[in-house]
Amino acid sequence: MTHVVTESCIRCKYTDCVDVCPVDCFREGPNMLVIDPDECIDCAVCIPECPVNAIFAEEDVPADQIGFIKLNAELSPGWKSITKRKPALEDAEEWKDKTDKLKELVR
């Protein structure tokens, strides 16, 4: 089992979750984070840290976000590991409550 970053992270990229991860399983893309499913130990400490509620245990991913399970696995090998908190994207506050952001994802 693993945890999954979903659509809410797109165009926000808050990194509060990164600071608490004991195994450094987060990967950083241009405008989103993902979790490497091969590194995640299913500890769940990242879930309450996410200010936009973008992280779910795989079995709890909402039905309309199921595609993000595959997307995290697909993108994580090509994105660099992130191990320290960084500022969110400049316009994160404008994007944090928006939905239907998959088209905004920069791979």
PDB file of N, CA and C in Angstrom:
ATOM      1  N   MET A   1       0.850  -1.181   0.000  1.00  0.00           N
ATOM      2  CA  MET A   1       0.000   0.000   0.000  1.00  0.00           C
ATOM      3  C   MET A   1       0.893   1.240   0.000  1.00  0.00           C
ATOM      4  N   THR A   2       0.375   2.287  -0.568  1.00  0.00           N
ATOM      5  CA  THR A   2       1.135   3.536  -0.652  1.00  0.00           C
ATOM      6  C   THR A   2       0.187   4.708  -0.462  1.00  0.00           C
ATOM      7  N   HIS A   3       0.737   5.867  -0.430  1.00  0.00           N
ATOM      8  CA  HIS A   3      -0.052   7.091  -0.396  1.00  0.00           C
ATOM      9  C   HIS A   3       0.071   7.770  -1.751  1.00  0.00           C
ATOM     10  N   VAL A   4      -0.901   8.614  -2.043  1.00  0.00           N
ATOM     11  CA  VAL A   4      -1.031   9.196  -3.372  1.00  0.00           C
ATOM     12  C   VAL A   4      -1.300  10.691  -3.250  1.00  0.00           C
ATOM     13  N   VAL A   5      -0.610  11.481  -4.060  1.00  0.00           N
ATOM     14  CA  VAL A   5      -0.882  12.909  -4.164  1.00  0.00           C
ATOM     15  C   VAL A   5      -1.886  13.087  -5.296  1.00  0.00           C
ATOM     16  N   THR A   6      -2.939  13.831  -5.034  1.00  0.00           N
ATOM     17  CA  THR A   6      -4.016  14.000  -6.013  1.00  0.00           C
ATOM     18  C   THR A   6      -4.056  15.424  -6.573  1.00  0.00           C
ATOM     19  N   GLU A   7      -5.083  15.674  -7.331  1.00  0.00           N
ATOM     20  CA  GLU A   7      -5.242  16.900  -8.108  1.00  0.00           C
ATOM     21  C   GLU A   7      -5.107  18.206  -7.324  1.00  0.00           C
ATOM     22  N   SER A   8      -5.487  18.206  -6.070  1.00  0.00           N
ATOM     23  CA  SER A   8      -5.438  19.453  -5.287  1.00  0.00           C
ATOM     24  C   SER A   8      -4.044  20.057  -5.224  1.00  0.00           C
ATOM     25  N   CYS A   9      -3.019  19.242  -5.401  1.00  0.00           N
ATOM     26  CA  CYS A   9      -1.634  19.732  -5.340  1.00  0.00           C
ATOM     27  C   CYS A   9      -1.233  20.522  -6.587  1.00  0.00           C
ATOM     28  N   ILE A  10      -1.878  20.251  -7.698  1.00  0.00           N
ATOM     29  CA  ILE A  10      -1.497  20.906  -8.957  1.00  0.00           C
ATOM     30  C   ILE A  10      -1.648  22.420  -8.835  1.00  0.00           C
ATOM     31  N   ARG A  11      -0.613  23.122  -9.242  1.00  0.00           N
ATOM     32  CA  ARG A  11      -0.514  24.585  -9.239  1.00  0.00           C
ATOM     33  C   ARG A  11      -0.451  25.180  -7.841  1.00  0.00           C
ATOM     34  N   CYS A  12      -0.258  24.336  -6.833  1.00  0.00           N
ATOM     35  CA  CYS A  12      -0.061  24.809  -5.458  1.00  0.00           C
ATOM     36  C   CYS A  12       1.329  24.413  -4.986  1.00  0.00           C
ATOM     37  N   LYS A  13       1.551  23.106  -4.942  1.00  0.00           N
ATOM     38  CA  LYS A  13       2.829  22.511  -4.556  1.00  0.00           C
ATOM     39  C   LYS A  13       3.292  22.981  -3.181  1.00  0.00           C
ATOM     40  N   TYR A  14       2.394  22.885  -2.216  1.00  0.00           N
ATOM     41  CA  TYR A  14       2.798  23.101  -0.828  1.00  0.00           C
ATOM     42  C   TYR A  14       3.702  21.930  -0.444  1.00  0.00           C
ATOM     43  N   THR A  15       4.733  22.191   0.324  1.00  0.00           N
ATOM     44  CA  THR A  15       5.699  21.139   0.624  1.00  0.00           C
ATOM     45  C   THR A  15       5.778  20.816   2.122  1.00  0.00           C
ATOM     46  N   ASP A  16       4.756  21.146   2.868  1.00  0.00           N
ATOM     47  CA  ASP A  16       4.718  20.833   4.303  1.00  0.00           C
ATOM     48  C   ASP A  16       4.903  19.333   4.532  1.00  0.00           C
ATOM     49  N   CYS A  17       4.365  18.535   3.645  1.00  0.00           N
ATOM     50  CA  CYS A  17       4.420  17.077   3.726  1.00  0.00           C
ATOM     51  C   CYS A  17       5.850  16.545   3.655  1.00  0.00           C
ATOM     52  N   VAL A  18       6.681  17.215   2.912  1.00  0.00           N
ATOM     53  CA  VAL A  18       8.051  16.769   2.684  1.00  0.00           C
ATOM     54  C   VAL A  18       8.852  16.723   3.984  1.00  0.00           C
ATOM     55  N   ASP A  19       8.648  17.721   4.827  1.00  0.00           N
ATOM     56  CA  ASP A  19       9.403  17.803   6.082  1.00  0.00           C
ATOM     57  C   ASP A  19       9.160  16.633   7.024  1.00  0.00           C
ATOM     58  N   VAL A  20       7.998  16.034   6.971  1.00  0.00           N
ATOM     59  CA  VAL A  20       7.673  14.963   7.924  1.00  0.00           C
ATOM     60  C   VAL A  20       7.898  13.560   7.377  1.00  0.00           C
ATOM     61  N   CYS A  21       8.181  13.438   6.118  1.00  0.00           N
ATOM     62  CA  CYS A  21       8.348  12.116   5.505  1.00  0.00           C
ATOM     63  C   CYS A  21       9.645  11.458   5.986  1.00  0.00           C
ATOM     64  N   PRO A  22       9.544  10.303   6.635  1.00  0.00           N
ATOM     65  CA  PRO A  22      10.754   9.659   7.162  1.00  0.00           C
ATOM     66  C   PRO A  22      11.596   8.939   6.115  1.00  0.00           C
ATOM     67  N   VAL A  23      11.059   8.740   4.917  1.00  0.00           N
ATOM     68  CA  VAL A  23      11.797   7.994   3.891  1.00  0.00           C
ATOM     69  C   VAL A  23      12.033   8.791   2.607  1.00  0.00           C
ATOM     70  N   ASP A  24      11.726  10.064   2.615  1.00  0.00           N
ATOM     71  CA  ASP A  24      11.970  10.924   1.455  1.00  0.00           C
ATOM     72  C   ASP A  24      11.361  10.366   0.172  1.00  0.00           C
ATOM     73  N   CYS A  25      10.077  10.058   0.215  1.00  0.00           N
ATOM     74  CA  CYS A  25       9.419   9.465  -0.954  1.00  0.00           C
ATOM     75  C   CYS A  25       8.771  10.486  -1.884  1.00  0.00           C
ATOM     76  N   PHE A  26       8.828  11.764  -1.544  1.00  0.00           N
ATOM     77  CA  PHE A  26       8.215  12.777  -2.402  1.00  0.00           C
ATOM     78  C   PHE A  26       9.135  13.134  -3.554  1.00  0.00           C
ATOM     79  N   ARG A  27       8.522  13.372  -4.706  1.00  0.00           N
ATOM     80  CA  ARG A  27       9.235  13.796  -5.904  1.00  0.00           C
ATOM     81  C   ARG A  27       8.612  15.111  -6.360  1.00  0.00           C
ATOM     82  N   GLU A  28       9.462  16.001  -6.851  1.00  0.00           N
ATOM     83  CA  GLU A  28       9.016  17.339  -7.221  1.00  0.00           C
ATOM     84  C   GLU A  28       8.981  17.531  -8.724  1.00  0.00           C
ATOM     85  N   GLY A  29       7.809  17.906  -9.210  1.00  0.00           N
ATOM     86  CA  GLY A  29       7.649  18.291 -10.600  1.00  0.00           C
ATOM     87  C   GLY A  29       7.528  19.803 -10.697  1.00  0.00           C
ATOM     88  N   PRO A  30       7.345  20.324 -11.891  1.00  0.00           N
ATOM     89  CA  PRO A  30       7.267  21.768 -12.070  1.00  0.00           C
ATOM     90  C   PRO A  30       6.151  22.444 -11.272  1.00  0.00           C
ATOM     91  N   ASN A  31       4.971  21.785 -11.167  1.00  0.00           N
ATOM     92  CA  ASN A  31       3.885  22.439 -10.435  1.00  0.00           C
ATOM     93  C   ASN A  31       3.064  21.467  -9.580  1.00  0.00           C
ATOM     94  N   MET A  32       3.706  20.383  -9.154  1.00  0.00           N
ATOM     95  CA  MET A  32       3.024  19.385  -8.318  1.00  0.00           C
ATOM     96  C   MET A  32       4.070  18.477  -7.681  1.00  0.00           C
ATOM     97  N   LEU A  33       3.703  17.857  -6.583  1.00  0.00           N
ATOM     98  CA  LEU A  33       4.500  16.795  -5.978  1.00  0.00           C
ATOM     99  C   LEU A  33       3.815  15.466  -6.243  1.00  0.00           C
ATOM    100  N   VAL A  34       4.578  14.395  -6.249  1.00  0.00           N
ATOM    101  CA  VAL A  34       4.026  13.040  -6.296  1.00  0.00           C
ATOM    102  C   VAL A  34       4.771  12.201  -5.260  1.00  0.00           C
ATOM    103  N   ILE A  35       4.213  11.037  -4.957  1.00  0.00           N
ATOM    104  CA  ILE A  35       4.838  10.105  -4.036  1.00  0.00           C
ATOM    105  C   ILE A  35       5.316   8.896  -4.822  1.00  0.00           C
ATOM    106  N   ASP A  36       6.568   8.527  -4.594  1.00  0.00           N
ATOM    107  CA  ASP A  36       7.117   7.331  -5.224  1.00  0.00           C
ATOM    108  C   ASP A  36       6.549   6.116  -4.490  1.00  0.00           C
ATOM    109  N   PRO A  37       5.720   5.320  -5.159  1.00  0.00           N
ATOM    110  CA  PRO A  37       5.088   4.188  -4.481  1.00  0.00           C
ATOM    111  C   PRO A  37       6.070   3.113  -4.035  1.00  0.00           C
ATOM    112  N   ASP A  38       7.249   3.070  -4.644  1.00  0.00           N
ATOM    113  CA  ASP A  38       8.257   2.091  -4.245  1.00  0.00           C
ATOM    114  C   ASP A  38       8.997   2.514  -2.980  1.00  0.00           C
ATOM    115  N   GLU A  39       8.920   3.786  -2.623  1.00  0.00           N
ATOM    116  CA  GLU A  39       9.615   4.308  -1.446  1.00  0.00           C
ATOM    117  C   GLU A  39       8.681   4.520  -0.250  1.00  0.00           C
ATOM    118  N   CYS A  40       7.414   4.799  -0.514  1.00  0.00           N
ATOM    119  CA  CYS A  40       6.454   5.098   0.557  1.00  0.00           C
ATOM    120  C   CYS A  40       6.286   3.887   1.478  1.00  0.00           C
ATOM    121  N   ILE A  41       6.337   4.152   2.788  1.00  0.00           N
ATOM    122  CA  ILE A  41       6.170   3.067   3.764  1.00  0.00           C
ATOM    123  C   ILE A  41       4.794   3.096   4.421  1.00  0.00           C
ATOM    124  N   ASP A  42       3.895   3.893   3.880  1.00  0.00           N
ATOM    125  CA  ASP A  42       2.508   3.914   4.346  1.00  0.00           C
ATOM    126  C   ASP A  42       2.381   4.368   5.801  1.00  0.00           C
ATOM    127  N   CYS A  43       3.187   5.321   6.205  1.00  0.00           N
ATOM    128  CA  CYS A  43       3.157   5.782   7.593  1.00  0.00           C
ATOM    129  C   CYS A  43       2.052   6.803   7.864  1.00  0.00           C
ATOM    130  N   ALA A  44       1.613   7.509   6.837  1.00  0.00           N
ATOM    131  CA  ALA A  44       0.500   8.461   6.892  1.00  0.00           C
ATOM    132  C   ALA A  44       0.809   9.779   7.597  1.00  0.00           C
ATOM    133  N   VAL A  45       2.042  10.036   7.975  1.00  0.00           N
ATOM    134  CA  VAL A  45       2.328  11.296   8.654  1.00  0.00           C
ATOM    135  C   VAL A  45       2.174  12.510   7.737  1.00  0.00           C
ATOM    136  N   CYS A  46       2.227  12.301   6.445  1.00  0.00           N
ATOM    137  CA  CYS A  46       2.098  13.406   5.495  1.00  0.00           C
ATOM    138  C   CYS A  46       0.655  13.895   5.342  1.00  0.00           C
ATOM    139  N   ILE A  47      -0.294  13.026   5.554  1.00  0.00           N
ATOM    140  CA  ILE A  47      -1.698  13.372   5.293  1.00  0.00           C
ATOM    141  C   ILE A  47      -2.149  14.623   6.045  1.00  0.00           C
ATOM    142  N   PRO A  48      -1.988  14.702   7.361  1.00  0.00           N
ATOM    143  CA  PRO A  48      -2.474  15.900   8.060  1.00  0.00           C
ATOM    144  C   PRO A  48      -1.651  17.161   7.784  1.00  0.00           C
ATOM    145  N   GLU A  49      -0.478  17.008   7.198  1.00  0.00           N
ATOM    146  CA  GLU A  49       0.376  18.167   6.926  1.00  0.00           C
ATOM    147  C   GLU A  49      -0.027  18.920   5.669  1.00  0.00           C
ATOM    148  N   CYS A  50      -0.757  18.283   4.781  1.00  0.00           N
ATOM    149  CA  CYS A  50      -1.104  18.906   3.495  1.00  0.00           C
ATOM    150  C   CYS A  50      -2.223  19.932   3.683  1.00  0.00           C
ATOM    151  N   PRO A  51      -1.941  21.210   3.407  1.00  0.00           N
ATOM    152  CA  PRO A  51      -2.951  22.250   3.613  1.00  0.00           C
ATOM    153  C   PRO A  51      -4.106  22.223   2.614  1.00  0.00           C
ATOM    154  N   VAL A  52      -3.973  21.438   1.538  1.00  0.00           N
ATOM    155  CA  VAL A  52      -5.054  21.367   0.554  1.00  0.00           C
ATOM    156  C   VAL A  52      -5.672  19.963   0.488  1.00  0.00           C
ATOM    157  N   ASN A  53      -5.347  19.124   1.458  1.00  0.00           N
ATOM    158  CA  ASN A  53      -5.908  17.761   1.529  1.00  0.00           C
ATOM    159  C   ASN A  53      -5.734  16.991   0.227  1.00  0.00           C
ATOM    160  N   ALA A  54      -4.519  17.009  -0.293  1.00  0.00           N
ATOM    161  CA  ALA A  54      -4.228  16.362  -1.568  1.00  0.00           C
ATOM    162  C   ALA A  54      -3.696  14.946  -1.419  1.00  0.00           C
ATOM    163  N   ILE A  55      -3.400  14.500  -0.188  1.00  0.00           N
ATOM    164  CA  ILE A  55      -2.755  13.201   0.005  1.00  0.00           C
ATOM    165  C   ILE A  55      -3.724  12.214   0.643  1.00  0.00           C
ATOM    166  N   PHE A  56      -3.777  11.018   0.044  1.00  0.00           N
ATOM    167  CA  PHE A  56      -4.668   9.969   0.521  1.00  0.00           C
ATOM    168  C   PHE A  56      -3.936   8.640   0.549  1.00  0.00           C
ATOM    169  N   ALA A  57      -4.350   7.773   1.462  1.00  0.00           N
ATOM    170  CA  ALA A  57      -3.923   6.383   1.374  1.00  0.00           C
ATOM    171  C   ALA A  57      -4.539   5.835   0.094  1.00  0.00           C
ATOM    172  N   GLU A  58      -3.833   4.950  -0.566  1.00  0.00           N
ATOM    173  CA  GLU A  58      -4.299   4.437  -1.856  1.00  0.00           C
ATOM    174  C   GLU A  58      -5.737   3.937  -1.805  1.00  0.00           C
ATOM    175  N   GLU A  59      -6.091   3.234  -0.740  1.00  0.00           N
ATOM    176  CA  GLU A  59      -7.453   2.691  -0.652  1.00  0.00           C
ATOM    177  C   GLU A  59      -8.507   3.753  -0.365  1.00  0.00           C
ATOM    178  N   ASP A  60      -8.071   4.970  -0.015  1.00  0.00           N
ATOM    179  CA  ASP A  60      -9.008   6.053   0.294  1.00  0.00           C
ATOM    180  C   ASP A  60      -9.083   7.125  -0.789  1.00  0.00           C
ATOM    181  N   VAL A  61      -8.365   6.928  -1.880  1.00  0.00           N
ATOM    182  CA  VAL A  61      -8.389   7.922  -2.960  1.00  0.00           C
ATOM    183  C   VAL A  61      -9.825   8.038  -3.480  1.00  0.00           C
ATOM    184  N   PRO A  62     -10.357   9.270  -3.541  1.00  0.00           N
ATOM    185  CA  PRO A  62     -11.721   9.447  -4.053  1.00  0.00           C
ATOM    186  C   PRO A  62     -11.861   8.892  -5.471  1.00  0.00           C
ATOM    187  N   ALA A  63     -13.042   8.426  -5.782  1.00  0.00           N
ATOM    188  CA  ALA A  63     -13.301   7.786  -7.076  1.00  0.00           C
ATOM    189  C   ALA A  63     -12.883   8.665  -8.259  1.00  0.00           C
ATOM    190  N   ASP A  64     -13.108   9.964  -8.156  1.00  0.00           N
ATOM    191  CA  ASP A  64     -12.759  10.848  -9.277  1.00  0.00           C
ATOM    192  C   ASP A  64     -11.266  11.165  -9.347  1.00  0.00           C
ATOM    193  N   GLN A  65     -10.481  10.616  -8.414  1.00  0.00           N
ATOM    194  CA  GLN A  65      -9.043  10.861  -8.380  1.00  0.00           C
ATOM    195  C   GLN A  65      -8.216   9.578  -8.577  1.00  0.00           C
ATOM    196  N   ILE A  66      -8.868   8.473  -8.857  1.00  0.00           N
ATOM    197  CA  ILE A  66      -8.204   7.164  -8.986  1.00  0.00           C
ATOM    198  C   ILE A  66      -7.048   7.206  -9.991  1.00  0.00           C
ATOM    199  N   GLY A  67      -7.172   7.974 -11.039  1.00  0.00           N
ATOM    200  CA  GLY A  67      -6.121   8.075 -12.047  1.00  0.00           C
ATOM    201  C   GLY A  67      -4.798   8.586 -11.485  1.00  0.00           C
ATOM    202  N   PHE A  68      -4.849   9.241 -10.333  1.00  0.00           N
ATOM    203  CA  PHE A  68      -3.618   9.762  -9.732  1.00  0.00           C
ATOM    204  C   PHE A  68      -2.762   8.664  -9.121  1.00  0.00           C
ATOM    205  N   ILE A  69      -3.324   7.510  -8.853  1.00  0.00           N
ATOM    206  CA  ILE A  69      -2.523   6.379  -8.380  1.00  0.00           C
ATOM    207  C   ILE A  69      -1.500   6.028  -9.459  1.00  0.00           C
ATOM    208  N   LYS A  70      -1.979   5.861 -10.664  1.00  0.00           N
ATOM    209  CA  LYS A  70      -1.100   5.545 -11.795  1.00  0.00           C
ATOM    210  C   LYS A  70      -0.180   6.730 -12.119  1.00  0.00           C
ATOM    211  N   LEU A  71      -0.711   7.933 -12.024  1.00  0.00           N
ATOM    212  CA  LEU A  71       0.075   9.124 -12.355  1.00  0.00           C
ATOM    213  C   LEU A  71       1.263   9.295 -11.402  1.00  0.00           C
ATOM    214  N   ASN A  72       1.072   9.071 -10.105  1.00  0.00           N
ATOM    215  CA  ASN A  72       2.188   9.148  -9.154  1.00  0.00           C
ATOM    216  C   ASN A  72       3.261   8.135  -9.523  1.00  0.00           C
ATOM    217  N   ALA A  73       2.845   6.913  -9.825  1.00  0.00           N
ATOM    218  CA  ALA A  73       3.798   5.855 -10.190  1.00  0.00           C
ATOM    219  C   ALA A  73       4.521   6.186 -11.492  1.00  0.00           C
ATOM    220  N   GLU A  74       3.817   6.785 -12.429  1.00  0.00           N
ATOM    221  CA  GLU A  74       4.390   7.123 -13.732  1.00  0.00           C
ATOM    222  C   GLU A  74       5.388   8.275 -13.648  1.00  0.00           C
ATOM    223  N   LEU A  75       5.057   9.310 -12.883  1.00  0.00           N
ATOM    224  CA  LEU A  75       5.890  10.510 -12.847  1.00  0.00           C
ATOM    225  C   LEU A  75       7.047  10.430 -11.860  1.00  0.00           C
ATOM    226  N   SER A  76       6.905   9.685 -10.797  1.00  0.00           N
ATOM    227  CA  SER A  76       7.924   9.693  -9.741  1.00  0.00           C
ATOM    228  C   SER A  76       9.325   9.272 -10.201  1.00  0.00           C
ATOM    229  N   PRO A  77       9.487   8.299 -11.089  1.00  0.00           N
ATOM    230  CA  PRO A  77      10.858   7.941 -11.489  1.00  0.00           C
ATOM    231  C   PRO A  77      11.608   9.059 -12.219  1.00  0.00           C
ATOM    232  N   GLY A  78      10.897   9.930 -12.887  1.00  0.00           N
ATOM    233  CA  GLY A  78      11.545  10.983 -13.665  1.00  0.00           C
ATOM    234  C   GLY A  78      11.699  12.309 -12.941  1.00  0.00           C
ATOM    235  N   TRP A  79      11.089  12.432 -11.772  1.00  0.00           N
ATOM    236  CA  TRP A  79      11.171  13.683 -11.023  1.00  0.00           C
ATOM    237  C   TRP A  79      12.157  13.538  -9.872  1.00  0.00           C
ATOM    238  N   LYS A  80      12.801  14.631  -9.505  1.00  0.00           N
ATOM    239  CA  LYS A  80      13.821  14.612  -8.456  1.00  0.00           C
ATOM    240  C   LYS A  80      13.194  14.522  -7.065  1.00  0.00           C
ATOM    241  N   SER A  81      13.922  13.873  -6.188  1.00  0.00           N
ATOM    242  CA  SER A  81      13.517  13.772  -4.787  1.00  0.00           C
ATOM    243  C   SER A  81      13.544  15.159  -4.146  1.00  0.00           C
ATOM    244  N   ILE A  82      12.570  15.423  -3.303  1.00  0.00           N
ATOM    245  CA  ILE A  82      12.538  16.667  -2.536  1.00  0.00           C
ATOM    246  C   ILE A  82      12.508  16.274  -1.063  1.00  0.00           C
ATOM    247  N   THR A  83      13.410  16.832  -0.284  1.00  0.00           N
ATOM    248  CA  THR A  83      13.544  16.427   1.113  1.00  0.00           C
ATOM    249  C   THR A  83      13.398  17.578   2.103  1.00  0.00           C
ATOM    250  N   LYS A  84      13.298  18.788   1.602  1.00  0.00           N
ATOM    251  CA  LYS A  84      13.144  19.953   2.479  1.00  0.00           C
ATOM    252  C   LYS A  84      12.017  20.842   1.966  1.00  0.00           C
ATOM    253  N   ARG A  85      11.337  21.448   2.909  1.00  0.00           N
ATOM    254  CA  ARG A  85      10.233  22.346   2.566  1.00  0.00           C
ATOM    255  C   ARG A  85      10.735  23.541   1.765  1.00  0.00           C
ATOM    256  N   LYS A  86       9.922  23.932   0.793  1.00  0.00           N
ATOM    257  CA  LYS A  86      10.180  25.108  -0.029  1.00  0.00           C
ATOM    258  C   LYS A  86       8.912  25.954  -0.010  1.00  0.00           C
ATOM    259  N   PRO A  87       9.013  27.199  -0.429  1.00  0.00           N
ATOM    260  CA  PRO A  87       7.789  27.998  -0.539  1.00  0.00           C
ATOM    261  C   PRO A  87       6.850  27.384  -1.591  1.00  0.00           C
ATOM    262  N   ALA A  88       5.569  27.541  -1.362  1.00  0.00           N
ATOM    263  CA  ALA A  88       4.576  27.093  -2.354  1.00  0.00           C
ATOM    264  C   ALA A  88       4.720  27.954  -3.610  1.00  0.00           C
ATOM    265  N   LEU A  89       4.067  27.528  -4.661  1.00  0.00           N
ATOM    266  CA  LEU A  89       4.090  28.327  -5.883  1.00  0.00           C
ATOM    267  C   LEU A  89       3.496  29.700  -5.601  1.00  0.00           C
ATOM    268  N   GLU A  90       3.958  30.686  -6.334  1.00  0.00           N
ATOM    269  CA  GLU A  90       3.589  32.074  -6.085  1.00  0.00           C
ATOM    270  C   GLU A  90       2.076  32.307  -6.070  1.00  0.00           C
ATOM    271  N   ASP A  91       1.358  31.634  -6.951  1.00  0.00           N
ATOM    272  CA  ASP A  91      -0.094  31.836  -7.027  1.00  0.00           C
ATOM    273  C   ASP A  91      -0.883  30.670  -6.411  1.00  0.00           C
ATOM    274  N   ALA A  92      -0.263  29.952  -5.488  1.00  0.00           N
ATOM    275  CA  ALA A  92      -0.902  28.785  -4.868  1.00  0.00           C
ATOM    276  C   ALA A  92      -2.232  29.133  -4.201  1.00  0.00           C
ATOM    277  N   GLU A  93      -2.293  30.255  -3.532  1.00  0.00           N
ATOM    278  CA  GLU A  93      -3.543  30.639  -2.852  1.00  0.00           C
ATOM    279  C   GLU A  93      -4.697  30.789  -3.838  1.00  0.00           C
ATOM    280  N   GLU A  94      -4.410  31.244  -5.037  1.00  0.00           N
ATOM    281  CA  GLU A  94      -5.448  31.405  -6.057  1.00  0.00           C
ATOM    282  C   GLU A  94      -5.949  30.049  -6.559  1.00  0.00           C
ATOM    283  N   TRP A  95      -5.093  29.031  -6.535  1.00  0.00           N
ATOM    284  CA  TRP A  95      -5.402  27.727  -7.104  1.00  0.00           C
ATOM    285  C   TRP A  95      -5.866  26.689  -6.091  1.00  0.00           C
ATOM    286  N   LYS A  96      -5.637  26.923  -4.803  1.00  0.00           N
ATOM    287  CA  LYS A  96      -5.826  25.862  -3.812  1.00  0.00           C
ATOM    288  C   LYS A  96      -7.242  25.295  -3.734  1.00  0.00           C
ATOM    289  N   ASP A  97      -8.249  26.070  -4.026  1.00  0.00           N
ATOM    290  CA  ASP A  97      -9.629  25.585  -3.928  1.00  0.00           C
ATOM    291  C   ASP A  97     -10.252  25.242  -5.275  1.00  0.00           C
ATOM    292  N   LYS A  98      -9.484  25.364  -6.326  1.00  0.00           N
ATOM    293  CA  LYS A  98     -10.014  25.064  -7.663  1.00  0.00           C
ATOM    294  C   LYS A  98     -10.010  23.559  -7.915  1.00  0.00           C
ATOM    295  N   THR A  99     -10.903  23.129  -8.776  1.00  0.00           N
ATOM    296  CA  THR A  99     -10.983  21.723  -9.166  1.00  0.00           C
ATOM    297  C   THR A  99     -10.737  21.618 -10.663  1.00  0.00           C
ATOM    298  N   ASP A 100     -10.728  20.391 -11.159  1.00  0.00           N
ATOM    299  CA  ASP A 100     -10.506  20.146 -12.588  1.00  0.00           C
ATOM    300  C   ASP A 100      -9.191  20.748 -13.061  1.00  0.00           C
ATOM    301  N   LYS A 101      -8.114  20.453 -12.318  1.00  0.00           N
ATOM    302  CA  LYS A 101      -6.802  21.050 -12.619  1.00  0.00           C
ATOM    303  C   LYS A 101      -5.861  20.123 -13.369  1.00  0.00           C
ATOM    304  N   LEU A 102      -6.275  18.913 -13.703  1.00  0.00           N
ATOM    305  CA  LEU A 102      -5.364  17.991 -14.357  1.00  0.00           C
ATOM    306  C   LEU A 102      -4.772  18.584 -15.631  1.00  0.00           C
ATOM    307  N   LYS A 103      -5.545  19.348 -16.356  1.00  0.00           N
ATOM    308  CA  LYS A 103      -5.058  19.962 -17.599  1.00  0.00           C
ATOM    309  C   LYS A 103      -3.953  20.986 -17.329  1.00  0.00           C
ATOM    310  N   GLU A 104      -3.811  21.418 -16.071  1.00  0.00           N
ATOM    311  CA  GLU A 104      -2.779  22.371 -15.676  1.00  0.00           C
ATOM    312  C   GLU A 104      -1.451  21.696 -15.313  1.00  0.00           C
ATOM    313  N   LEU A 105      -1.456  20.376 -15.191  1.00  0.00           N
ATOM    314  CA  LEU A 105      -0.257  19.649 -14.784  1.00  0.00           C
ATOM    315  C   LEU A 105       0.860  19.799 -15.816  1.00  0.00           C
ATOM    316  N   VAL A 106       2.029  20.216 -15.335  1.00  0.00           N
ATOM    317  CA  VAL A 106       3.210  20.311 -16.183  1.00  0.00           C
ATOM    318  C   VAL A 106       4.067  19.088 -15.876  1.00  0.00           C
ATOM    319  N   ARG A 107       4.284  18.275 -16.885  1.00  0.00           N
ATOM    320  CA  ARG A 107       5.050  17.046 -16.685  1.00  0.00           C
ATOM    321  C   ARG A 107       6.517  17.310 -16.844  1.00  0.00           C
TER     322      ARG A 107
END
